[in-house]
Amino acid sequence: MLVKTFGSAVQGVNAYTITMEVNVTPGTKYYMVGLPDNAIKESEQRIESALKYNGYRMPRQKVVINMAPAGIRKEGSAYDLPIALGILAASDQMRGERLGEYVIMGELSLDGTLGPVKGVLPIAIQARKEGFKGFVLPVQNAREAAIVNNLDIIGVENIKQAIDFFDGKIDITPLVIDTRDIFQSTVNQYEADFAHVQGQENIKRALEIAAAGGHNAIMIGPPGAGKTMLAKRLPSILPPLTMHEALETTKIHSVAGKLGESASLLSTRPFRAPHHTISDVALVGGGGVPQPGEISLSHNGVLFMDELPEFKRTVLEVMRQPLEERRVSISRAKMTIDFPANFMLIASMNPCPCGYYNHPDKDCVCGPGVVQRYLNKVSGPLLDRIDLHVEVTPVTFDQMTESRKAESSEAIRERVIKARKIQEERFKEFPNIHSNAMMPSQMVKEVCEINAGGKALLKTAMERLGLSARAYDRILKVSRTIADLADSPDIRIEHLAEAIQYRSLDREGWAG
């Protein structure tokens, strides 16, 4: 008897429906075809044990399982449940007429209990798109799949429950979640808030400008000055996620298996802070089965790279293209997978190995040329993609003990949202440009026009401070964002002057 069950394979952030054709005929062998990997081939032992434990039998006949389409490589143990149910239906141990209405996924343990699987959200989206009635899956993944409406999400704890559901012996109420209600109630709920930060007003201002224009920023300062603390608070002043952005971000985290059991739709912007020992593949994504890396996990959020010069040179260089294209392509012999990577890069670094170069109170103990060599660990092309260079100075005792409460993240966020709306209106005819930071060079001259006084100031600044040519576009982009925050249609001299001070590392001889 031939029975078909349906599962799904995830490639990148998209899913493809896989048909499991199970045929039980006279004979003795068990065959698995259709490009399965070792984990799927081993499913025979798990399935046999789970069936016996729950009072069913593995047919002692010829069992052929074809996983179609045969051209797509199938990986992982998530196909255990659909294969097991197909075998039971093909050997007349359960009713199989409703199997074709559902996508089924789940990893079996030896006693038939189901374990969670990765990539449930893209699978659910594809199941709805292809007109399936529902999705039968481990109960641990049910909340994640329930983000998708108009699809019956049937969470089961073990194979016996799944069999009884298809046999009509039990009714399982589909899990329904009001995604919009959860999203609205948790959006902008960040633990860290700028209200808890005393002093550092100039750094807060720089981060506000970065958030308003989508600019990348680097903070340079001694240890203990508050660089990490300030960076962690940046997501709290970014505009709230839209429903589309939240779904896109959740999909990536679902594929990477980072959501956890109780997670549903991600409603806050991600903040990822990889350690400086990270490998190239862990940062940009890849592996035998390509998985999203840290730059994709920070999509629509913030990637924080603490102690930037300590990262391996190769790791920093692989970031250059994703920073420009806002996506990363991972190529393999038989496929190329694109992962989105539209993130804000916030980096921090000490000015020298000992950390006290340019410190107001402590002396730097680094030898001649050491500071320059330390700064040279970060390549020019990478710095070229960072718009704001901010010097962080330690907070004084008076600032730390000040009783006046600092401005909250909510108040700063309101100004950021207002500036972003101005930019949305400006770039409404360009679907791939959403903020000032995304402007290509040819558009900068048109959008960031400055008057004769502004040109004179910029010329003087570039000559006196020894600013490099690459600083020119960055200064204009940042000054456009500062003007947007001030609700000014034109870039005024004071906007340019503020933007110029955010180019510390471009000054010739900054490190002596």
Protein backbone atom coordinates (compact mmCIF):
# COMPACT_ATOMS: atom_id res chain seq x y z
CA MET A 1 0.00 0.00 0.00
CA LEU A 2 1.32 3.48 -0.94
CA VAL A 3 0.89 6.39 1.50
CA LYS A 4 2.08 9.99 1.20
CA THR A 5 2.97 12.25 4.11
CA PHE A 6 4.37 15.78 3.90
CA GLY A 7 7.30 17.44 5.67
CA SER A 8 9.52 20.38 4.82
CA ALA A 9 13.19 21.23 4.16
CA VAL A 10 14.59 24.62 5.12
CA GLN A 11 17.19 26.25 2.90
CA GLY A 12 18.33 29.71 3.97
CA VAL A 13 15.24 31.37 5.46
CA ASN A 14 12.77 29.65 3.11
CA ALA A 15 11.10 26.23 3.27
CA TYR A 16 10.36 23.67 0.54
CA THR A 17 7.70 20.98 0.89
CA ILE A 18 9.03 17.42 0.92
CA THR A 19 6.77 14.47 0.08
CA MET A 20 7.46 11.20 1.90
CA GLU A 21 6.13 8.32 -0.26
CA VAL A 22 5.97 5.13 1.80
CA ASN A 23 5.32 1.80 0.11
CA VAL A 24 5.04 -1.50 2.00
CA THR A 25 5.16 -4.60 -0.27
CA PRO A 26 6.12 -8.27 0.14
CA GLY A 27 9.84 -8.62 0.83
CA THR A 28 12.30 -8.11 3.66
CA LYS A 29 14.41 -4.95 3.25
CA TYR A 30 14.11 -1.30 4.34
CA TYR A 31 15.08 1.30 1.73
CA MET A 32 15.44 5.07 2.17
CA VAL A 33 15.93 7.06 -1.07
CA GLY A 34 15.80 10.72 -2.15
CA LEU A 35 19.13 12.20 -0.91
CA PRO A 36 18.70 11.66 2.87
CA ASP A 37 21.67 12.36 5.16
CA ASN A 38 22.96 9.99 7.87
CA ALA A 39 20.62 11.39 10.55
CA ILE A 40 17.61 10.46 8.38
CA LYS A 41 19.02 7.03 7.52
CA GLU A 42 19.41 6.34 11.24
CA SER A 43 15.71 7.12 11.75
CA GLU A 44 14.88 3.43 11.13
CA GLN A 45 16.26 2.52 14.57
CA ARG A 46 14.46 5.38 16.35
CA ILE A 47 11.17 4.68 14.57
CA GLU A 48 11.27 0.94 15.27
CA SER A 49 11.96 1.51 18.97
CA ALA A 50 9.24 4.20 19.28
CA LEU A 51 6.62 2.03 17.54
CA LYS A 52 7.38 -1.04 19.70
CA TYR A 53 7.31 1.05 22.90
CA ASN A 54 3.82 2.33 22.00
CA GLY A 55 2.34 -1.07 21.06
CA TYR A 56 2.81 -0.96 17.27
CA ARG A 57 5.04 -3.06 15.04
CA MET A 58 7.62 -2.34 12.36
CA PRO A 59 6.44 -4.24 9.24
CA ARG A 60 8.67 -7.21 8.42
CA GLN A 61 8.17 -6.57 4.71
CA LYS A 62 9.86 -4.51 2.02
CA VAL A 63 9.54 -0.85 3.08
CA VAL A 64 10.53 1.79 0.52
CA ILE A 65 10.55 5.45 1.55
CA ASN A 66 11.12 8.03 -1.18
CA MET A 67 11.71 11.65 -0.16
CA ALA A 68 10.70 13.81 -3.11
CA PRO A 69 11.90 15.94 -4.81
CA ALA A 70 15.01 13.77 -4.91
CA GLY A 71 17.22 16.69 -6.04
CA ILE A 72 17.03 18.54 -2.68
CA ARG A 73 19.34 17.31 0.06
CA LYS A 74 17.42 16.47 3.25
CA GLU A 75 19.13 16.85 6.62
CA GLY A 76 18.35 16.27 10.27
CA SER A 77 16.09 14.10 12.39
CA ALA A 78 12.91 16.20 12.00
CA TYR A 79 11.50 13.73 9.42
CA ASP A 80 11.12 10.91 11.99
CA LEU A 81 7.43 11.59 12.70
CA PRO A 82 6.11 11.87 9.10
CA ILE A 83 8.07 8.74 8.09
CA ALA A 84 6.79 6.77 11.12
CA LEU A 85 3.16 7.78 10.47
CA GLY A 86 3.58 6.89 6.78
CA ILE A 87 4.86 3.42 7.71
CA LEU A 88 1.92 2.84 10.11
CA ALA A 89 -0.65 3.96 7.52
CA ALA A 90 0.98 1.92 4.72
CA SER A 91 0.93 -1.20 6.94
CA ASP A 92 -2.76 -0.62 7.93
CA GLN A 93 -2.00 0.10 11.61
CA MET A 94 -3.65 3.53 11.47
CA ARG A 95 -5.99 5.51 9.22
CA GLY A 96 -4.17 7.51 6.56
CA GLU A 97 -6.88 9.50 4.77
CA ARG A 98 -6.16 12.78 6.69
CA LEU A 99 -2.35 12.59 6.50
CA GLY A 100 -2.24 14.52 3.21
CA GLU A 101 -3.96 17.55 4.77
CA TYR A 102 -1.12 18.32 7.18
CA VAL A 103 2.58 19.09 7.12
CA ILE A 104 4.18 16.89 9.81
CA MET A 105 7.58 17.38 11.50
CA GLY A 106 9.16 16.03 14.69
CA GLU A 107 12.17 14.15 16.05
CA LEU A 108 11.39 10.88 17.84
CA SER A 109 13.09 9.61 20.96
CA LEU A 110 13.21 5.84 21.59
CA ASP A 111 10.00 5.93 23.69
CA GLY A 112 8.08 7.95 21.08
CA THR A 113 8.38 11.35 22.80
CA LEU A 114 8.84 14.24 20.38
CA GLY A 115 11.76 16.68 20.56
CA PRO A 116 11.75 20.24 19.17
CA VAL A 117 12.95 21.06 15.66
CA LYS A 118 14.50 24.10 13.97
CA GLY A 119 13.00 26.38 11.31
CA VAL A 120 9.34 25.90 12.25
CA LEU A 121 8.24 29.43 11.25
CA PRO A 122 9.31 29.30 7.55
CA ILE A 123 7.80 25.79 7.36
CA ALA A 124 4.44 27.10 8.69
CA ILE A 125 4.50 30.04 6.25
CA GLN A 126 5.13 27.67 3.32
CA ALA A 127 2.41 25.24 4.52
CA ARG A 128 -0.18 28.02 4.54
CA LYS A 129 1.03 29.24 1.13
CA GLU A 130 0.56 25.74 -0.37
CA GLY A 131 -2.95 25.36 1.07
CA PHE A 132 -2.38 22.72 3.77
CA LYS A 133 -5.07 22.55 6.46
CA GLY A 134 -2.60 22.40 9.35
CA PHE A 135 0.80 21.62 10.79
CA VAL A 136 1.42 18.75 13.23
CA LEU A 137 4.60 19.33 15.23
CA PRO A 138 6.20 18.98 18.69
CA VAL A 139 4.30 20.93 21.34
CA GLN A 140 7.52 22.84 22.22
CA ASN A 141 7.43 24.52 18.78
CA ALA A 142 3.69 25.20 18.67
CA ARG A 143 3.82 28.85 19.86
CA GLU A 144 6.42 29.68 17.25
CA ALA A 145 4.32 28.19 14.41
CA ALA A 146 1.11 29.83 15.72
CA ILE A 147 2.46 33.20 14.55
CA VAL A 148 1.06 32.12 11.16
CA ASN A 149 -2.72 32.53 11.01
CA ASN A 150 -5.22 30.53 8.89
CA LEU A 151 -3.30 27.32 9.63
CA ASP A 152 -4.28 24.73 12.28
CA ILE A 153 -1.29 24.32 14.61
CA ILE A 154 -1.53 20.90 16.28
CA GLY A 155 1.08 20.48 19.03
CA VAL A 156 1.67 16.87 20.10
CA GLU A 157 3.87 15.51 22.90
CA ASN A 158 4.48 12.01 21.51
CA ILE A 159 3.78 9.74 18.54
CA LYS A 160 0.76 8.12 20.28
CA GLN A 161 -1.02 11.48 20.42
CA ALA A 162 -0.31 12.06 16.72
CA ILE A 163 -1.66 8.58 15.80
CA ASP A 164 -4.82 9.06 17.91
CA PHE A 165 -5.38 12.49 16.35
CA PHE A 166 -5.27 11.10 12.79
CA ASP A 167 -7.38 8.08 13.83
CA GLY A 168 -10.04 10.46 15.20
CA LYS A 169 -9.77 9.03 18.74
CA ILE A 170 -8.84 12.41 20.27
CA ASP A 171 -9.47 16.02 19.34
CA ILE A 172 -6.59 18.46 19.70
CA THR A 173 -7.63 22.09 19.72
CA PRO A 174 -5.39 24.08 17.34
CA LEU A 175 -3.23 26.62 19.17
CA VAL A 176 -4.29 30.18 18.36
CA ILE A 177 -2.22 33.23 19.35
CA ASP A 178 -3.24 36.84 18.84
CA THR A 179 0.09 37.81 17.37
CA ARG A 180 -0.76 41.48 16.94
CA ASP A 181 -1.90 41.77 20.56
CA ILE A 182 1.33 40.16 21.86
CA PHE A 183 3.39 42.29 19.47
CA GLN A 184 1.76 45.56 20.54
CA SER A 185 2.02 44.75 24.25
CA THR A 186 5.73 43.86 24.18
CA VAL A 187 7.13 46.20 21.50
CA ASN A 188 9.80 48.58 22.86
CA GLN A 189 10.07 46.66 26.16
CA TYR A 190 13.83 46.88 26.73
CA GLU A 191 15.53 46.16 30.04
CA ALA A 192 18.25 48.77 29.50
CA ASP A 193 17.32 52.46 29.33
CA PHE A 194 19.32 55.65 28.76
CA ALA A 195 17.65 57.07 31.88
CA HIS A 196 20.05 54.91 33.94
CA VAL A 197 23.17 56.50 32.39
CA GLN A 198 24.64 59.48 34.23
CA GLY A 199 26.74 61.92 32.19
CA GLN A 200 28.12 61.00 28.75
CA GLU A 201 25.73 63.44 27.05
CA ASN A 202 27.97 63.76 23.98
CA ILE A 203 27.98 59.97 23.47
CA LYS A 204 24.20 59.80 23.89
CA ARG A 205 23.89 62.52 21.27
CA ALA A 206 26.16 60.60 18.86
CA LEU A 207 24.13 57.39 19.34
CA GLU A 208 20.90 59.35 18.79
CA ILE A 209 22.30 60.58 15.44
CA ALA A 210 23.40 57.02 14.57
CA ALA A 211 19.90 55.70 15.34
CA ALA A 212 18.17 58.51 13.43
CA GLY A 213 20.14 57.96 10.22
CA GLY A 214 20.96 54.23 10.49
CA HIS A 215 24.68 55.09 10.71
CA ASN A 216 27.42 52.75 11.88
CA ALA A 217 29.49 54.09 14.80
CA ILE A 218 32.72 53.35 16.64
CA MET A 219 33.46 54.45 20.21
CA ILE A 220 37.09 54.98 21.24
CA GLY A 221 37.92 55.36 24.90
CA PRO A 222 39.70 53.93 27.97
CA PRO A 223 38.42 50.87 29.86
CA GLY A 224 35.52 51.55 32.22
CA ALA A 225 34.34 54.67 30.38
CA GLY A 226 30.92 53.10 29.62
CA LYS A 227 31.26 52.07 25.95
CA THR A 228 29.55 48.67 26.35
CA MET A 229 26.85 50.04 28.66
CA LEU A 230 25.93 52.75 26.13
CA ALA A 231 25.96 50.33 23.16
CA LYS A 232 23.56 47.94 24.95
CA ARG A 233 21.03 50.76 25.21
CA LEU A 234 21.07 51.64 21.50
CA PRO A 235 18.23 49.25 20.47
CA SER A 236 15.94 51.02 22.97
CA ILE A 237 16.08 54.27 20.96
CA LEU A 238 15.63 52.72 17.51
CA PRO A 239 12.16 52.98 15.90
CA PRO A 240 9.87 50.07 16.89
CA LEU A 241 9.88 47.03 14.63
CA THR A 242 7.14 46.90 11.99
CA MET A 243 5.13 43.66 11.73
CA HIS A 244 7.00 42.76 8.52
CA GLU A 245 10.42 43.38 10.14
CA ALA A 246 9.41 41.35 13.22
CA LEU A 247 8.35 38.39 11.07
CA GLU A 248 11.56 38.58 9.00
CA THR A 249 13.74 38.72 12.13
CA THR A 250 11.83 35.87 13.83
CA LYS A 251 12.28 33.68 10.72
CA ILE A 252 16.07 34.01 10.91
CA HIS A 253 16.13 33.17 14.63
CA SER A 254 13.78 30.23 13.99
CA VAL A 255 16.10 28.76 11.32
CA ALA A 256 19.06 29.13 13.71
CA GLY A 257 17.07 27.47 16.55
CA LYS A 258 17.49 30.49 18.84
CA LEU A 259 13.85 31.14 19.82
CA GLY A 260 13.33 28.73 22.73
CA GLU A 261 10.12 26.98 23.78
CA SER A 262 7.98 29.87 24.99
CA ALA A 263 9.06 32.33 22.29
CA SER A 264 6.63 33.69 19.77
CA LEU A 265 7.11 36.74 17.54
CA LEU A 266 10.22 38.82 18.31
CA SER A 267 8.96 42.30 19.15
CA THR A 268 12.22 44.03 20.13
CA ARG A 269 15.21 44.76 17.94
CA PRO A 270 17.99 42.15 18.31
CA PHE A 271 21.28 43.06 19.98
CA ARG A 272 24.13 40.65 19.24
CA ALA A 273 27.57 40.99 20.83
CA PRO A 274 29.88 38.19 19.58
CA HIS A 275 33.16 37.55 21.43
CA HIS A 276 36.35 38.58 19.62
CA THR A 277 37.42 34.91 19.26
CA ILE A 278 34.54 34.31 16.80
CA SER A 279 35.35 32.59 13.47
CA ASP A 280 34.55 33.93 9.99
CA VAL A 281 31.77 31.34 9.47
CA ALA A 282 30.14 32.01 12.85
CA LEU A 283 30.03 35.73 12.04
CA VAL A 284 28.74 35.73 8.44
CA GLY A 285 27.06 32.31 8.39
CA GLY A 286 27.83 29.05 6.58
CA GLY A 287 28.74 25.51 7.53
CA GLY A 288 27.95 22.20 5.83
CA VAL A 289 24.24 22.99 6.20
CA PRO A 290 24.36 26.80 5.77
CA GLN A 291 23.12 28.50 8.92
CA PRO A 292 22.72 32.25 9.59
CA GLY A 293 25.67 33.89 11.36
CA GLU A 294 25.77 36.73 13.88
CA ILE A 295 25.36 39.42 11.20
CA SER A 296 22.06 37.83 10.09
CA LEU A 297 20.90 37.25 13.68
CA SER A 298 21.33 41.01 14.20
CA HIS A 299 19.20 41.79 11.10
CA ASN A 300 16.95 44.81 11.82
CA GLY A 301 18.93 45.39 15.02
CA VAL A 302 22.42 46.07 16.34
CA LEU A 303 25.68 44.13 15.98
CA PHE A 304 28.06 45.22 18.73
CA MET A 305 31.75 44.39 18.29
CA ASP A 306 33.54 45.09 21.56
CA GLU A 307 37.33 45.52 21.43
CA LEU A 308 37.32 45.72 17.62
CA PRO A 309 41.14 45.45 17.08
CA GLU A 310 41.14 42.13 18.99
CA PHE A 311 39.00 40.45 16.30
CA LYS A 312 40.97 38.44 13.72
CA ARG A 313 41.75 40.48 10.60
CA THR A 314 39.99 37.93 8.35
CA VAL A 315 36.82 38.16 10.46
CA LEU A 316 36.71 41.95 10.07
CA GLU A 317 37.38 41.80 6.32
CA VAL A 318 34.49 39.39 5.59
CA MET A 319 32.12 42.01 7.01
CA ARG A 320 32.91 44.61 4.36
CA GLN A 321 30.59 43.28 1.65
CA PRO A 322 27.57 42.58 3.93
CA LEU A 323 27.89 46.12 5.36
CA GLU A 324 27.60 47.49 1.84
CA GLU A 325 24.98 45.11 0.37
CA ARG A 326 22.98 44.48 3.60
CA ARG A 327 22.78 40.76 2.83
CA VAL A 328 25.25 37.87 2.74
CA SER A 329 25.47 35.21 0.02
CA ILE A 330 26.79 31.77 0.98
CA SER A 331 27.78 29.70 -2.06
CA ARG A 332 28.09 25.94 -2.16
CA ALA A 333 28.69 23.58 -5.09
CA LYS A 334 24.97 22.94 -5.66
CA MET A 335 23.33 26.04 -4.20
CA THR A 336 23.68 29.67 -3.21
CA ILE A 337 21.79 30.89 -0.15
CA ASP A 338 21.11 34.51 0.70
CA PHE A 339 20.66 35.58 4.32
CA PRO A 340 19.48 39.15 5.07
CA ALA A 341 21.97 41.25 7.08
CA ASN A 342 20.60 44.78 7.42
CA PHE A 343 22.12 45.75 10.77
CA MET A 344 23.71 48.73 12.49
CA LEU A 345 27.34 48.12 13.37
CA ILE A 346 28.42 49.62 16.70
CA ALA A 347 32.06 48.98 17.57
CA SER A 348 34.16 49.94 20.55
CA MET A 349 37.89 49.94 21.12
CA ASN A 350 40.61 51.14 23.46
CA PRO A 351 42.85 53.83 21.93
CA CYS A 352 45.95 51.71 22.56
CA PRO A 353 46.94 48.32 24.10
CA CYS A 354 47.20 49.75 27.64
CA GLY A 355 43.94 51.72 27.13
CA TYR A 356 45.07 55.12 28.41
CA TYR A 357 46.26 57.03 25.33
CA ASN A 358 44.71 60.55 25.42
CA HIS A 359 43.36 59.88 28.97
CA PRO A 360 42.84 63.11 30.98
CA ASP A 361 44.36 61.70 34.21
CA LYS A 362 46.38 58.54 33.48
CA ASP A 363 49.55 58.21 31.43
CA CYS A 364 49.85 55.87 28.45
CA VAL A 365 52.69 53.36 28.89
CA CYS A 366 52.76 52.16 25.26
CA GLY A 367 56.06 52.59 23.39
CA PRO A 368 56.62 54.64 20.22
CA GLY A 369 54.66 53.35 17.22
CA VAL A 370 52.64 50.89 19.35
CA VAL A 371 49.49 53.03 19.30
CA GLN A 372 49.59 53.39 15.50
CA ARG A 373 50.15 49.64 15.04
CA TYR A 374 47.19 48.92 17.34
CA LEU A 375 44.89 51.23 15.34
CA ASN A 376 46.14 49.75 12.06
CA LYS A 377 44.63 46.40 13.06
CA VAL A 378 41.32 47.89 11.89
CA SER A 379 41.59 48.29 8.11
CA GLY A 380 40.84 51.51 6.24
CA PRO A 381 38.10 49.92 4.06
CA LEU A 382 36.21 48.81 7.21
CA LEU A 383 36.58 52.23 8.86
CA ASP A 384 35.34 53.68 5.58
CA ARG A 385 31.98 52.04 6.27
CA ILE A 386 31.71 53.58 9.77
CA ASP A 387 30.16 57.05 9.73
CA LEU A 388 30.66 58.23 13.31
CA HIS A 389 33.89 58.07 15.32
CA VAL A 390 33.16 59.04 18.91
CA GLU A 391 35.78 59.67 21.62
CA VAL A 392 34.52 58.49 25.02
CA THR A 393 35.98 60.08 28.16
CA PRO A 394 35.55 58.68 31.70
CA VAL A 395 32.61 59.95 33.79
CA THR A 396 33.64 62.25 36.66
CA PHE A 397 32.65 61.62 40.27
CA ASP A 398 30.31 64.64 40.22
CA GLN A 399 28.47 63.28 37.16
CA MET A 400 28.11 59.83 38.74
CA THR A 401 26.60 61.21 41.94
CA GLU A 402 24.34 63.74 40.21
CA SER A 403 20.74 63.51 41.44
CA ARG A 404 19.17 64.83 38.21
CA LYS A 405 17.64 61.97 36.21
CA ALA A 406 18.95 61.51 32.68
CA GLU A 407 16.69 61.62 29.62
CA SER A 408 14.81 58.36 29.02
CA SER A 409 15.13 56.15 25.93
CA GLU A 410 11.46 56.82 25.12
CA ALA A 411 12.03 60.59 24.82
CA ILE A 412 15.07 60.07 22.56
CA ARG A 413 13.18 57.45 20.50
CA GLU A 414 10.39 59.95 19.72
CA ARG A 415 12.94 62.29 18.09
CA VAL A 416 14.51 59.37 16.19
CA ILE A 417 11.12 58.24 14.83
CA LYS A 418 10.36 61.79 13.69
CA ALA A 419 13.69 62.00 11.82
CA ARG A 420 13.14 58.57 10.22
CA LYS A 421 9.71 59.66 8.93
CA ILE A 422 11.37 62.62 7.17
CA GLN A 423 13.80 60.17 5.52
CA GLU A 424 11.02 57.77 4.50
CA GLU A 425 9.29 60.64 2.73
CA ARG A 426 12.59 61.69 1.08
CA PHE A 427 13.36 58.20 -0.27
CA LYS A 428 9.80 57.03 -1.02
CA GLU A 429 10.66 56.57 -4.72
CA PHE A 430 13.66 54.35 -3.89
CA PRO A 431 12.44 50.99 -2.48
CA ASN A 432 15.90 49.88 -1.28
CA ILE A 433 16.82 53.10 0.54
CA HIS A 434 15.22 53.74 3.95
CA SER A 435 17.70 55.97 5.77
CA ASN A 436 20.44 58.53 5.13
CA ALA A 437 23.17 55.94 5.75
CA MET A 438 21.93 53.89 2.77
CA MET A 439 22.40 56.73 0.27
CA PRO A 440 24.79 55.90 -2.59
CA SER A 441 27.55 58.43 -3.36
CA GLN A 442 25.84 59.84 -6.44
CA MET A 443 22.77 60.73 -4.37
CA VAL A 444 24.73 62.46 -1.58
CA LYS A 445 25.54 65.55 -3.64
CA GLU A 446 21.90 65.94 -4.64
CA VAL A 447 20.31 65.34 -1.20
CA CYS A 448 23.02 66.93 0.96
CA GLU A 449 23.43 70.32 -0.69
CA ILE A 450 25.37 72.88 1.35
CA ASN A 451 25.71 76.64 0.90
CA ALA A 452 28.92 78.61 0.23
CA GLY A 453 29.55 79.09 3.99
CA GLY A 454 29.21 75.34 4.56
CA LYS A 455 31.62 74.56 1.72
CA ALA A 456 34.18 76.98 3.16
CA LEU A 457 33.86 75.37 6.62
CA LEU A 458 34.22 71.87 5.21
CA LYS A 459 37.26 72.86 3.13
CA THR A 460 38.94 74.45 6.16
CA ALA A 461 38.15 71.41 8.36
CA MET A 462 39.53 68.96 5.83
CA GLU A 463 42.74 70.95 5.42
CA ARG A 464 43.31 71.79 9.11
CA LEU A 465 42.35 68.46 10.62
CA GLY A 466 43.93 66.50 7.79
CA LEU A 467 40.68 64.67 7.08
CA SER A 468 40.85 62.04 4.35
CA ALA A 469 38.79 62.20 1.17
CA ARG A 470 36.58 59.31 2.33
CA ALA A 471 35.42 61.47 5.26
CA TYR A 472 33.71 63.92 2.86
CA ASP A 473 30.64 61.78 2.00
CA ARG A 474 30.31 60.57 5.59
CA ILE A 475 30.28 64.11 6.97
CA LEU A 476 27.56 65.12 4.50
CA LYS A 477 25.39 62.08 5.34
CA VAL A 478 25.71 62.64 9.09
CA SER A 479 25.03 66.39 8.75
CA ARG A 480 21.85 65.54 6.78
CA THR A 481 20.72 63.34 9.69
CA ILE A 482 21.52 66.09 12.22
CA ALA A 483 19.43 68.51 10.11
CA ASP A 484 16.56 65.96 10.07
CA LEU A 485 16.70 65.71 13.87
CA ALA A 486 16.47 69.51 14.00
CA ASP A 487 13.56 69.37 11.49
CA SER A 488 15.55 71.61 9.14
CA PRO A 489 15.08 71.30 5.35
CA ASP A 490 18.60 72.67 4.77
CA ILE A 491 21.99 71.64 6.15
CA ARG A 492 23.19 74.59 8.18
CA ILE A 493 26.73 75.42 9.30
CA GLU A 494 26.11 74.19 12.87
CA HIS A 495 24.95 70.80 11.50
CA LEU A 496 28.15 70.48 9.45
CA ALA A 497 30.31 71.55 12.41
CA GLU A 498 28.79 68.83 14.60
CA ALA A 499 29.25 66.18 11.89
CA ILE A 500 32.93 67.13 11.43
CA GLN A 501 33.74 66.40 15.08
CA TYR A 502 32.60 62.78 14.59
CA ARG A 503 35.59 61.91 12.35
CA SER A 504 38.32 61.38 15.00
CA LEU A 505 40.05 58.46 13.32
CA ASP A 506 40.27 60.28 9.98
CA ARG A 507 42.47 63.00 11.41
CA GLU A 508 46.02 62.54 10.23
CA GLY A 509 48.27 61.86 13.15
CA TRP A 510 45.37 61.03 15.53
CA ALA A 511 47.66 58.47 17.10
CA GLY A 512 50.63 60.81 17.23
